[in-house]
PDB file of N, CA and C in Angstrom:
ATOM      1  N   UNK A   1      18.159  11.902  12.228  1.00  0.00           N
ATOM      2  CA  UNK A   1      17.185  11.856  11.603  1.00  0.00           C
ATOM      3  C   UNK A   1      17.204  10.948  10.409  1.00  0.00           C
ATOM      4  N   UNK A   2      16.114  10.468   9.872  1.00  0.00           N
ATOM      5  CA  UNK A   2      16.068   9.303   8.757  1.00  0.00           C
ATOM      6  C   UNK A   2      14.940   9.416   7.929  1.00  0.00           C
ATOM      7  N   UNK A   3      14.981   8.989   6.745  1.00  0.00           N
ATOM      8  CA  UNK A   3      13.696   8.809   5.784  1.00  0.00           C
ATOM      9  C   UNK A   3      13.219   7.596   5.560  1.00  0.00           C
ATOM     10  N   UNK A   4      12.020   7.602   5.818  1.00  0.00           N
ATOM     11  CA  UNK A   4      11.106   6.365   5.526  1.00  0.00           C
ATOM     12  C   UNK A   4      10.480   6.354   4.139  1.00  0.00           C
ATOM     13  N   UNK A   5      11.140   5.808   3.411  1.00  0.00           N
ATOM     14  CA  UNK A   5      10.585   5.504   1.910  1.00  0.00           C
ATOM     15  C   UNK A   5       9.417   4.976   1.904  1.00  0.00           C
ATOM     16  N   UNK A   6       8.522   5.044   0.670  1.00  0.00           N
ATOM     17  CA  UNK A   6       7.422   4.383   0.466  1.00  0.00           C
ATOM     18  C   UNK A   6       7.713   2.838   0.129  1.00  0.00           C
ATOM     19  N   UNK A   7       6.879   1.849   0.641  1.00  0.00           N
ATOM     20  CA  UNK A   7       7.276   0.509   0.607  1.00  0.00           C
ATOM     21  C   UNK A   7       7.618   0.108  -0.671  1.00  0.00           C
ATOM     22  N   UNK A   8       8.621  -0.892  -0.710  1.00  0.00           N
ATOM     23  CA  UNK A   8       8.795  -1.632  -2.099  1.00  0.00           C
ATOM     24  C   UNK A   8       8.002  -2.835  -2.309  1.00  0.00           C
ATOM     25  N   UNK A   9       8.082  -3.436  -3.311  1.00  0.00           N
ATOM     26  CA  UNK A   9       7.179  -4.593  -3.721  1.00  0.00           C
ATOM     27  C   UNK A   9       7.196  -5.603  -2.600  1.00  0.00           C
ATOM     28  N   UNK A  10       8.328  -5.962  -2.100  1.00  0.00           N
ATOM     29  CA  UNK A  10       8.288  -6.947  -0.939  1.00  0.00           C
ATOM     30  C   UNK A  10       7.588  -6.552   0.257  1.00  0.00           C
ATOM     31  N   UNK A  11       7.603  -5.322   0.615  1.00  0.00           N
ATOM     32  CA  UNK A  11       7.095  -4.708   1.798  1.00  0.00           C
ATOM     33  C   UNK A  11       5.568  -4.558   1.389  1.00  0.00           C
ATOM     34  N   UNK A  12       5.204  -4.157   0.378  1.00  0.00           N
ATOM     35  CA  UNK A  12       3.538  -4.032   0.114  1.00  0.00           C
ATOM     36  C   UNK A  12       3.058  -5.272   0.047  1.00  0.00           C
ATOM     37  N   UNK A  13       3.665  -6.354  -0.433  1.00  0.00           N
ATOM     38  CA  UNK A  13       3.088  -7.756  -0.350  1.00  0.00           C
ATOM     39  C   UNK A  13       2.780  -7.953   1.157  1.00  0.00           C
ATOM     40  N   UNK A  14       3.920  -7.940   1.983  1.00  0.00           N
ATOM     41  CA  UNK A  14       3.691  -8.049   3.535  1.00  0.00           C
ATOM     42  C   UNK A  14       2.529  -7.315   4.087  1.00  0.00           C
ATOM     43  N   UNK A  15       2.421  -5.915   3.748  1.00  0.00           N
ATOM     44  CA  UNK A  15       1.426  -5.189   4.063  1.00  0.00           C
ATOM     45  C   UNK A  15      -0.056  -5.764   3.655  1.00  0.00           C
ATOM     46  N   UNK A  16      -0.237  -6.241   2.346  1.00  0.00           N
ATOM     47  CA  UNK A  16      -1.365  -6.665   1.913  1.00  0.00           C
ATOM     48  C   UNK A  16      -1.741  -8.066   2.660  1.00  0.00           C
ATOM     49  N   UNK A  17      -0.720  -8.928   2.944  1.00  0.00           N
ATOM     50  CA  UNK A  17      -1.084 -10.089   3.762  1.00  0.00           C
ATOM     51  C   UNK A  17      -1.468  -9.909   4.955  1.00  0.00           C
ATOM     52  N   UNK A  18      -0.887  -8.817   5.753  1.00  0.00           N
ATOM     53  CA  UNK A  18      -1.261  -8.602   7.064  1.00  0.00           C
ATOM     54  C   UNK A  18      -2.686  -7.971   7.226  1.00  0.00           C
ATOM     55  N   UNK A  19      -2.956  -7.248   6.151  1.00  0.00           N
ATOM     56  CA  UNK A  19      -4.386  -6.440   6.450  1.00  0.00           C
ATOM     57  C   UNK A  19      -5.347  -7.543   5.917  1.00  0.00           C
ATOM     58  N   UNK A  20      -5.035  -8.151   4.931  1.00  0.00           N
ATOM     59  CA  UNK A  20      -6.146  -9.134   4.449  1.00  0.00           C
ATOM     60  C   UNK A  20      -6.162 -10.357   5.457  1.00  0.00           C
ATOM     61  N   UNK A  21      -5.303 -10.771   5.927  1.00  0.00           N
ATOM     62  CA  UNK A  21      -5.169 -11.814   6.974  1.00  0.00           C
ATOM     63  C   UNK A  21      -5.906 -11.658   8.303  1.00  0.00           C
ATOM     64  N   UNK A  22      -5.622 -10.317   8.943  1.00  0.00           N
ATOM     65  CA  UNK A  22      -6.200 -10.004  10.071  1.00  0.00           C
ATOM     66  C   UNK A  22      -7.930  -9.831   9.692  1.00  0.00           C
ATOM     67  N   UNK A  23      -8.273  -9.794   8.454  1.00  0.00           N
ATOM     68  CA  UNK A  23      -9.691  -9.734   8.320  1.00  0.00           C
ATOM     69  C   UNK A  23     -10.438 -10.850   7.750  1.00  0.00           C
ATOM     70  N   UNK A  24      -9.354 -11.989   7.694  1.00  0.00           N
ATOM     71  CA  UNK A  24     -10.028 -13.263   7.274  1.00  0.00           C
ATOM     72  C   UNK A  24     -10.058 -13.349   5.736  1.00  0.00           C
ATOM     73  N   UNK A  25      -9.282 -12.650   4.924  1.00  0.00           N
ATOM     74  CA  UNK A  25      -9.684 -12.347   3.693  1.00  0.00           C
ATOM     75  C   UNK A  25      -8.585 -12.711   2.635  1.00  0.00           C
ATOM     76  N   UNK A  26      -7.363 -13.201   3.233  1.00  0.00           N
ATOM     77  CA  UNK A  26      -6.279 -13.709   2.432  1.00  0.00           C
ATOM     78  C   UNK A  26      -6.570 -15.083   2.030  1.00  0.00           C
ATOM     79  N   UNK A  27      -7.288 -15.202   0.823  1.00  0.00           N
ATOM     80  CA  UNK A  27      -7.680 -16.564   0.456  1.00  0.00           C
ATOM     81  C   UNK A  27      -7.098 -16.871  -1.121  1.00  0.00           C
ATOM     82  N   UNK A  28      -7.348 -17.870  -1.672  1.00  0.00           N
ATOM     83  CA  UNK A  28      -7.056 -18.298  -2.920  1.00  0.00           C
ATOM     84  C   UNK A  28      -7.540 -17.274  -3.860  1.00  0.00           C
ATOM     85  N   UNK A  29      -8.705 -16.815  -3.599  1.00  0.00           N
ATOM     86  CA  UNK A  29      -9.196 -15.776  -4.670  1.00  0.00           C
ATOM     87  C   UNK A  29      -8.544 -14.275  -4.734  1.00  0.00           C
ATOM     88  N   UNK A  30      -7.611 -14.031  -3.937  1.00  0.00           N
ATOM     89  CA  UNK A  30      -6.934 -13.005  -4.060  1.00  0.00           C
ATOM     90  C   UNK A  30      -5.603 -13.078  -4.390  1.00  0.00           C
ATOM     91  N   UNK A  31      -5.277 -12.565  -5.423  1.00  0.00           N
ATOM     92  CA  UNK A  31      -3.819 -12.611  -6.063  1.00  0.00           C
ATOM     93  C   UNK A  31      -3.061 -11.243  -5.641  1.00  0.00           C
ATOM     94  N   UNK A  32      -2.147 -11.430  -4.722  1.00  0.00           N
ATOM     95  CA  UNK A  32      -1.341 -10.335  -4.069  1.00  0.00           C
ATOM     96  C   UNK A  32      -0.558  -9.925  -5.177  1.00  0.00           C
ATOM     97  N   UNK A  33       0.144 -10.757  -5.992  1.00  0.00           N
ATOM     98  CA  UNK A  33       0.860 -10.318  -6.888  1.00  0.00           C
ATOM     99  C   UNK A  33       0.310  -9.288  -7.778  1.00  0.00           C
ATOM    100  N   UNK A  34      -0.831  -9.636  -8.321  1.00  0.00           N
ATOM    101  CA  UNK A  34      -1.521  -8.449  -9.352  1.00  0.00           C
ATOM    102  C   UNK A  34      -1.778  -7.202  -8.528  1.00  0.00           C
ATOM    103  N   UNK A  35      -1.962  -7.325  -7.191  1.00  0.00           N
ATOM    104  CA  UNK A  35      -2.049  -6.006  -6.461  1.00  0.00           C
ATOM    105  C   UNK A  35      -0.919  -5.208  -6.381  1.00  0.00           C
ATOM    106  N   UNK A  36       0.155  -5.891  -6.396  1.00  0.00           N
ATOM    107  CA  UNK A  36       1.716  -5.230  -6.227  1.00  0.00           C
ATOM    108  C   UNK A  36       1.837  -4.293  -7.354  1.00  0.00           C
ATOM    109  N   UNK A  37       1.504  -4.798  -8.534  1.00  0.00           N
ATOM    110  CA  UNK A  37       1.804  -4.207  -9.767  1.00  0.00           C
ATOM    111  C   UNK A  37       0.895  -2.806  -9.907  1.00  0.00           C
ATOM    112  N   UNK A  38      -0.154  -2.820  -9.182  1.00  0.00           N
ATOM    113  CA  UNK A  38      -0.950  -1.620  -9.253  1.00  0.00           C
ATOM    114  C   UNK A  38      -0.814  -0.496  -8.111  1.00  0.00           C
ATOM    115  N   UNK A  39       0.130  -0.887  -7.078  1.00  0.00           N
ATOM    116  CA  UNK A  39       0.249  -0.017  -6.044  1.00  0.00           C
ATOM    117  C   UNK A  39       1.432   0.433  -5.666  1.00  0.00           C
ATOM    118  N   UNK A  40       2.375   0.482  -6.663  1.00  0.00           N
ATOM    119  CA  UNK A  40       3.604   1.197  -6.735  1.00  0.00           C
ATOM    120  C   UNK A  40       3.361   2.782  -6.347  1.00  0.00           C
ATOM    121  N   UNK A  41       4.196   3.273  -5.344  1.00  0.00           N
ATOM    122  CA  UNK A  41       3.712   4.534  -4.749  1.00  0.00           C
ATOM    123  C   UNK A  41       2.750   4.673  -3.600  1.00  0.00           C
ATOM    124  N   UNK A  42       2.115   3.451  -3.283  1.00  0.00           N
ATOM    125  CA  UNK A  42       1.166   3.348  -1.984  1.00  0.00           C
ATOM    126  C   UNK A  42       1.866   3.118  -0.783  1.00  0.00           C
ATOM    127  N   UNK A  43       1.553   4.014   0.272  1.00  0.00           N
ATOM    128  CA  UNK A  43       1.953   3.770   1.615  1.00  0.00           C
ATOM    129  C   UNK A  43       1.398   2.652   2.224  1.00  0.00           C
ATOM    130  N   UNK A  44       1.631   2.084   3.428  1.00  0.00           N
ATOM    131  CA  UNK A  44       1.117   1.089   4.052  1.00  0.00           C
ATOM    132  C   UNK A  44      -0.488   1.444   4.473  1.00  0.00           C
ATOM    133  N   UNK A  45      -0.630   2.923   4.753  1.00  0.00           N
ATOM    134  CA  UNK A  45      -1.945   3.394   5.169  1.00  0.00           C
ATOM    135  C   UNK A  45      -2.760   3.195   3.869  1.00  0.00           C
ATOM    136  N   UNK A  46      -2.252   3.633   2.692  1.00  0.00           N
ATOM    137  CA  UNK A  46      -2.930   3.665   1.566  1.00  0.00           C
ATOM    138  C   UNK A  46      -3.570   2.030   1.300  1.00  0.00           C
ATOM    139  N   UNK A  47      -2.684   1.173   1.477  1.00  0.00           N
ATOM    140  CA  UNK A  47      -2.878  -0.339   1.324  1.00  0.00           C
ATOM    141  C   UNK A  47      -3.883  -0.808   2.389  1.00  0.00           C
ATOM    142  N   UNK A  48      -3.800  -0.285   3.591  1.00  0.00           N
ATOM    143  CA  UNK A  48      -4.722  -0.661   4.699  1.00  0.00           C
ATOM    144  C   UNK A  48      -6.015  -0.064   4.356  1.00  0.00           C
ATOM    145  N   UNK A  49      -6.227   1.159   3.703  1.00  0.00           N
ATOM    146  CA  UNK A  49      -7.419   1.963   3.251  1.00  0.00           C
ATOM    147  C   UNK A  49      -8.112   1.206   2.269  1.00  0.00           C
ATOM    148  N   UNK A  50      -7.287   0.704   1.235  1.00  0.00           N
ATOM    149  CA  UNK A  50      -7.900  -0.090   0.025  1.00  0.00           C
ATOM    150  C   UNK A  50      -8.559  -1.401   0.436  1.00  0.00           C
ATOM    151  N   UNK A  51      -7.885  -2.134   1.521  1.00  0.00           N
ATOM    152  CA  UNK A  51      -8.453  -3.400   2.003  1.00  0.00           C
ATOM    153  C   UNK A  51      -9.525  -3.014   2.932  1.00  0.00           C
ATOM    154  N   UNK A  52      -9.635  -2.054   3.714  1.00  0.00           N
ATOM    155  CA  UNK A  52     -10.822  -1.930   4.590  1.00  0.00           C
ATOM    156  C   UNK A  52     -11.964  -1.382   3.662  1.00  0.00           C
ATOM    157  N   UNK A  53     -11.829  -0.505   2.772  1.00  0.00           N
ATOM    158  CA  UNK A  53     -12.849  -0.265   1.898  1.00  0.00           C
ATOM    159  C   UNK A  53     -13.457  -1.364   0.836  1.00  0.00           C
ATOM    160  N   UNK A  54     -12.419  -2.124   0.548  1.00  0.00           N
ATOM    161  CA  UNK A  54     -13.002  -3.240  -0.440  1.00  0.00           C
ATOM    162  C   UNK A  54     -13.699  -4.335   0.618  1.00  0.00           C
ATOM    163  N   UNK A  55     -13.252  -4.751   2.002  1.00  0.00           N
ATOM    164  CA  UNK A  55     -13.961  -5.556   2.752  1.00  0.00           C
ATOM    165  C   UNK A  55     -15.251  -4.894   3.237  1.00  0.00           C
ATOM    166  N   UNK A  56     -15.493  -3.398   3.565  1.00  0.00           N
ATOM    167  CA  UNK A  56     -16.572  -2.863   3.860  1.00  0.00           C
ATOM    168  C   UNK A  56     -17.647  -3.008   2.472  1.00  0.00           C
ATOM    169  N   UNK A  57     -17.191  -2.841   1.444  1.00  0.00           N
ATOM    170  CA  UNK A  57     -18.144  -2.821   0.336  1.00  0.00           C
ATOM    171  C   UNK A  57     -18.656  -4.071   0.216  1.00  0.00           C
ATOM    172  N   UNK A  58     -17.822  -5.258   0.523  1.00  0.00           N
ATOM    173  CA  UNK A  58     -18.247  -6.572   0.300  1.00  0.00           C
ATOM    174  C   UNK A  58     -19.245  -7.038   1.357  1.00  0.00           C
ATOM    175  N   UNK A  59     -19.006  -6.373   2.440  1.00  0.00           N
ATOM    176  CA  UNK A  59     -19.942  -6.710   3.632  1.00  0.00           C
ATOM    177  C   UNK A  59     -21.476  -6.233   3.401  1.00  0.00           C
ATOM    178  N   UNK A  60     -21.416  -5.102   2.890  1.00  0.00           N
ATOM    179  CA  UNK A  60     -22.773  -4.414   2.566  1.00  0.00           C
ATOM    180  C   UNK A  60     -23.432  -5.082   1.261  1.00  0.00           C
ATOM    181  N   UNK A  61     -22.662  -5.860   0.349  1.00  0.00           N
ATOM    182  CA  UNK A  61     -23.254  -6.122  -0.816  1.00  0.00           C
ATOM    183  C   UNK A  61     -23.855  -7.764  -0.626  1.00  0.00           C
ATOM    184  N   UNK A  62     -24.372  -8.245  -1.632  1.00  0.00           N
ATOM    185  CA  UNK A  62     -25.027  -9.522  -1.566  1.00  0.00           C
ATOM    186  C   UNK A  62     -24.016 -10.654  -1.677  1.00  0.00           C
ATOM    187  N   UNK A  63     -22.969 -10.219  -2.534  1.00  0.00           N
ATOM    188  CA  UNK A  63     -21.653 -11.095  -2.642  1.00  0.00           C
ATOM    189  C   UNK A  63     -20.583 -10.582  -1.753  1.00  0.00           C
ATOM    190  N   UNK A  64     -20.639 -11.353  -0.699  1.00  0.00           N
ATOM    191  CA  UNK A  64     -19.623 -11.200   0.520  1.00  0.00           C
ATOM    192  C   UNK A  64     -18.191 -11.105   0.355  1.00  0.00           C
ATOM    193  N   UNK A  65     -17.757 -11.556  -0.883  1.00  0.00           N
ATOM    194  CA  UNK A  65     -16.500 -11.953  -1.174  1.00  0.00           C
ATOM    195  C   UNK A  65     -15.590 -10.971  -1.592  1.00  0.00           C
ATOM    196  N   UNK A  66     -14.172 -11.110  -1.028  1.00  0.00           N
ATOM    197  CA  UNK A  66     -13.167 -10.024  -1.381  1.00  0.00           C
ATOM    198  C   UNK A  66     -12.189 -10.828  -2.508  1.00  0.00           C
ATOM    199  N   UNK A  67     -12.430 -10.211  -3.704  1.00  0.00           N
ATOM    200  CA  UNK A  67     -11.577 -10.798  -4.605  1.00  0.00           C
ATOM    201  C   UNK A  67     -10.406  -9.830  -5.292  1.00  0.00           C
ATOM    202  N   UNK A  68      -9.731 -10.421  -6.085  1.00  0.00           N
ATOM    203  CA  UNK A  68      -8.531  -9.493  -6.616  1.00  0.00           C
ATOM    204  C   UNK A  68      -9.042  -8.500  -7.461  1.00  0.00           C
ATOM    205  N   UNK A  69     -10.177  -8.624  -8.235  1.00  0.00           N
ATOM    206  CA  UNK A  69     -10.822  -7.842  -9.249  1.00  0.00           C
ATOM    207  C   UNK A  69     -11.580  -6.747  -8.172  1.00  0.00           C
ATOM    208  N   UNK A  70     -12.086  -6.961  -7.064  1.00  0.00           N
ATOM    209  CA  UNK A  70     -12.731  -5.875  -6.198  1.00  0.00           C
ATOM    210  C   UNK A  70     -11.652  -5.112  -5.594  1.00  0.00           C
ATOM    211  N   UNK A  71     -10.604  -5.697  -5.119  1.00  0.00           N
ATOM    212  CA  UNK A  71      -9.440  -4.882  -4.618  1.00  0.00           C
ATOM    213  C   UNK A  71      -9.021  -4.015  -5.829  1.00  0.00           C
ATOM    214  N   UNK A  72      -8.712  -4.538  -6.979  1.00  0.00           N
ATOM    215  CA  UNK A  72      -8.153  -3.803  -7.906  1.00  0.00           C
ATOM    216  C   UNK A  72      -9.045  -2.448  -8.479  1.00  0.00           C
ATOM    217  N   UNK A  73     -10.411  -2.712  -8.272  1.00  0.00           N
ATOM    218  CA  UNK A  73     -11.407  -1.734  -8.594  1.00  0.00           C
ATOM    219  C   UNK A  73     -11.097  -0.644  -7.648  1.00  0.00           C
ATOM    220  N   UNK A  74     -11.129  -1.020  -6.124  1.00  0.00           N
ATOM    221  CA  UNK A  74     -10.758  -0.075  -5.152  1.00  0.00           C
ATOM    222  C   UNK A  74      -9.448   0.906  -5.370  1.00  0.00           C
ATOM    223  N   UNK A  75      -8.508  -0.144  -5.921  1.00  0.00           N
ATOM    224  CA  UNK A  75      -7.145   0.605  -6.027  1.00  0.00           C
ATOM    225  C   UNK A  75      -7.482   1.799  -7.161  1.00  0.00           C
ATOM    226  N   UNK A  76      -8.036   1.341  -8.213  1.00  0.00           N
ATOM    227  CA  UNK A  76      -8.283   2.303  -9.288  1.00  0.00           C
ATOM    228  C   UNK A  76      -9.052   3.689  -8.988  1.00  0.00           C
ATOM    229  N   UNK A  77      -9.793   3.486  -7.814  1.00  0.00           N
ATOM    230  CA  UNK A  77     -10.416   4.693  -7.280  1.00  0.00           C
ATOM    231  C   UNK A  77      -9.776   5.277  -6.190  1.00  0.00           C
ATOM    232  N   UNK A  78      -8.652   4.799  -5.854  1.00  0.00           N
ATOM    233  CA  UNK A  78      -7.784   5.454  -4.691  1.00  0.00           C
ATOM    234  C   UNK A  78      -6.724   6.414  -5.146  1.00  0.00           C
ATOM    235  N   UNK A  79      -6.416   7.507  -4.762  1.00  0.00           N
ATOM    236  CA  UNK A  79      -5.234   8.284  -4.956  1.00  0.00           C
ATOM    237  C   UNK A  79      -4.359   7.897  -3.843  1.00  0.00           C
ATOM    238  N   UNK A  80      -2.986   7.513  -4.253  1.00  0.00           N
ATOM    239  CA  UNK A  80      -2.122   7.205  -3.288  1.00  0.00           C
ATOM    240  C   UNK A  80      -1.448   8.519  -2.539  1.00  0.00           C
ATOM    241  N   UNK A  81      -0.780   8.172  -1.470  1.00  0.00           N
ATOM    242  CA  UNK A  81      -0.032   9.590  -0.998  1.00  0.00           C
ATOM    243  C   UNK A  81       1.165   9.969  -2.084  1.00  0.00           C
ATOM    244  N   UNK A  82       1.545   9.212  -2.744  1.00  0.00           N
ATOM    245  CA  UNK A  82       2.668   9.579  -3.557  1.00  0.00           C
ATOM    246  C   UNK A  82       1.949  10.381  -4.746  1.00  0.00           C
ATOM    247  N   UNK A  83       0.786  10.329  -5.036  1.00  0.00           N
ATOM    248  CA  UNK A  83       0.214  11.127  -5.835  1.00  0.00           C
ATOM    249  C   UNK A  83      -0.543  12.622  -5.274  1.00  0.00           C
ATOM    250  N   UNK A  84      -1.322  12.417  -4.042  1.00  0.00           N
ATOM    251  CA  UNK A  84      -1.766  13.582  -3.429  1.00  0.00           C
ATOM    252  C   UNK A  84      -0.632  14.477  -2.842  1.00  0.00           C
ATOM    253  N   UNK A  85       0.499  13.715  -2.439  1.00  0.00           N
ATOM    254  CA  UNK A  85       1.592  14.716  -1.897  1.00  0.00           C
ATOM    255  C   UNK A  85       2.857  14.754  -2.615  1.00  0.00           C
ATOM    256  N   UNK A  86       2.642  14.291  -3.913  1.00  0.00           N
ATOM    257  CA  UNK A  86       3.758  14.330  -4.874  1.00  0.00           C
ATOM    258  C   UNK A  86       4.904  15.383  -4.570  1.00  0.00           C
ATOM    259  N   UNK A  87       4.647  16.708  -4.762  1.00  0.00           N
ATOM    260  CA  UNK A  87       5.567  17.626  -4.440  1.00  0.00           C
ATOM    261  C   UNK A  87       6.124  17.858  -3.089  1.00  0.00           C
ATOM    262  N   UNK A  88       5.364  17.610  -2.122  1.00  0.00           N
ATOM    263  CA  UNK A  88       5.852  17.421  -0.720  1.00  0.00           C
ATOM    264  C   UNK A  88       6.778  16.577  -0.628  1.00  0.00           C
ATOM    265  N   UNK A  89       6.476  15.324  -1.199  1.00  0.00           N
ATOM    266  CA  UNK A  89       7.287  14.186  -1.060  1.00  0.00           C
ATOM    267  C   UNK A  89       8.822  14.374  -1.694  1.00  0.00           C
ATOM    268  N   UNK A  90       8.662  15.061  -2.874  1.00  0.00           N
ATOM    269  CA  UNK A  90       9.930  15.174  -3.711  1.00  0.00           C
ATOM    270  C   UNK A  90      10.739  16.396  -2.955  1.00  0.00           C
ATOM    271  N   UNK A  91      10.101  17.333  -2.441  1.00  0.00           N
ATOM    272  CA  UNK A  91      10.978  18.303  -1.616  1.00  0.00           C
ATOM    273  C   UNK A  91      11.514  17.770  -0.449  1.00  0.00           C
ATOM    274  N   UNK A  92      10.901  16.845   0.438  1.00  0.00           N
ATOM    275  CA  UNK A  92      11.385  16.024   1.396  1.00  0.00           C
ATOM    276  C   UNK A  92      12.698  15.235   1.103  1.00  0.00           C
ATOM    277  N   UNK A  93      12.637  14.460  -0.056  1.00  0.00           N
ATOM    278  CA  UNK A  93      13.607  13.723  -0.592  1.00  0.00           C
ATOM    279  C   UNK A  93      14.766  14.442  -0.900  1.00  0.00           C
ATOM    280  N   UNK A  94      14.538  15.790  -1.503  1.00  0.00           N
ATOM    281  CA  UNK A  94      15.807  16.520  -1.819  1.00  0.00           C
ATOM    282  C   UNK A  94      16.567  17.047  -0.632  1.00  0.00           C
ATOM    283  N   UNK A  95      15.543  17.334   0.354  1.00  0.00           N
ATOM    284  CA  UNK A  95      16.179  17.885   1.653  1.00  0.00           C
ATOM    285  C   UNK A  95      17.033  16.791   2.229  1.00  0.00           C
ATOM    286  N   UNK A  96      16.546  15.648   2.283  1.00  0.00           N
ATOM    287  CA  UNK A  96      17.276  14.444   2.988  1.00  0.00           C
ATOM    288  C   UNK A  96      18.534  13.935   2.267  1.00  0.00           C
ATOM    289  N   UNK A  97      18.338  14.142   0.949  1.00  0.00           N
ATOM    290  CA  UNK A  97      19.711  13.986  -0.021  1.00  0.00           C
ATOM    291  C   UNK A  97      20.736  14.971   0.280  1.00  0.00           C
ATOM    292  N   UNK A  98      20.240  16.126   0.381  1.00  0.00           N
ATOM    293  CA  UNK A  98      21.057  17.466   0.686  1.00  0.00           C
ATOM    294  C   UNK A  98      21.880  17.234   1.896  1.00  0.00           C
ATOM    295  N   UNK A  99      21.413  16.774   3.015  1.00  0.00           N
ATOM    296  CA  UNK A  99      21.999  16.429   4.229  1.00  0.00           C
ATOM    297  C   UNK A  99      22.301  15.092   4.310  1.00  0.00           C
ATOM    298  N   UNK A 100      22.362  14.214   3.492  1.00  0.00           N
ATOM    299  CA  UNK A 100      22.878  12.844   3.436  1.00  0.00           C
ATOM    300  C   UNK A 100      22.353  11.935   4.580  1.00  0.00           C
ATOM    301  N   UNK A 101      21.059  12.140   5.037  1.00  0.00           N
ATOM    302  CA  UNK A 101      20.307  11.399   6.035  1.00  0.00           C
ATOM    303  C   UNK A 101      20.295   9.954   5.620  1.00  0.00           C
ATOM    304  N   UNK A 102      20.303   9.024   6.523  1.00  0.00           N
ATOM    305  CA  UNK A 102      20.217   7.670   6.380  1.00  0.00           C
ATOM    306  C   UNK A 102      18.564   7.202   6.038  1.00  0.00           C
ATOM    307  N   UNK A 103      18.554   6.519   5.276  1.00  0.00           N
ATOM    308  CA  UNK A 103      17.105   5.874   4.835  1.00  0.00           C
ATOM    309  C   UNK A 103      16.854   4.778   6.121  1.00  0.00           C
ATOM    310  N   UNK A 104      15.704   4.718   6.497  1.00  0.00           N
ATOM    311  CA  UNK A 104      15.302   3.970   7.773  1.00  0.00           C
ATOM    312  C   UNK A 104      15.301   2.628   7.351  1.00  0.00           C
ATOM    313  N   UNK A 105      15.247   2.074   6.036  1.00  0.00           N
ATOM    314  CA  UNK A 105      15.337   0.741   5.684  1.00  0.00           C
ATOM    315  C   UNK A 105      16.739   0.379   5.280  1.00  0.00           C
ATOM    316  N   UNK A 106      17.809   1.023   5.610  1.00  0.00           N
ATOM    317  CA  UNK A 106      19.299   0.813   5.035  1.00  0.00           C
ATOM    318  C   UNK A 106      19.886   0.083   6.345  1.00  0.00           C
ATOM    319  N   UNK A 107      20.347  -0.991   6.316  1.00  0.00           N
ATOM    320  CA  UNK A 107      20.891  -1.708   7.276  1.00  0.00           C
ATOM    321  C   UNK A 107      22.241  -1.022   7.676  1.00  0.00           C
ATOM    322  N   UNK A 108      22.456  -0.895   8.994  1.00  0.00           N
ATOM    323  CA  UNK A 108      23.675  -0.227   9.684  1.00  0.00           C
ATOM    324  C   UNK A 108      24.816  -1.166   9.477  1.00  0.00           C
ATOM    325  N   UNK A 109      26.119  -0.610   9.349  1.00  0.00           N
ATOM    326  CA  UNK A 109      27.321  -1.294   9.136  1.00  0.00           C
ATOM    327  C   UNK A 109      28.093  -1.476  10.415  1.00  0.00           C
TER     328      UNK A 109
END
């Protein structure tokens, strides 16, 4: 058994780049660094949902652009898994620590 932690800053950056890129929205008007500061505790699925919601809102608006500000607004209105399942996550972490399970992102020796 192993524990998959929530993504760190580097991993969240990659997740944003993947989801924005596959929708053709990874452009100069999106500052991914600003997004990272506001998404600590977000899972990959949370980040994908933020991108999808922002792209959908842009699609139905007159201004079709996806910008840092629009993504930040969506983030502000989104509750991450680390908030909605905070107690469950803490309990799981305690159990994993109790049994000294390996974290999934820990390199093997």
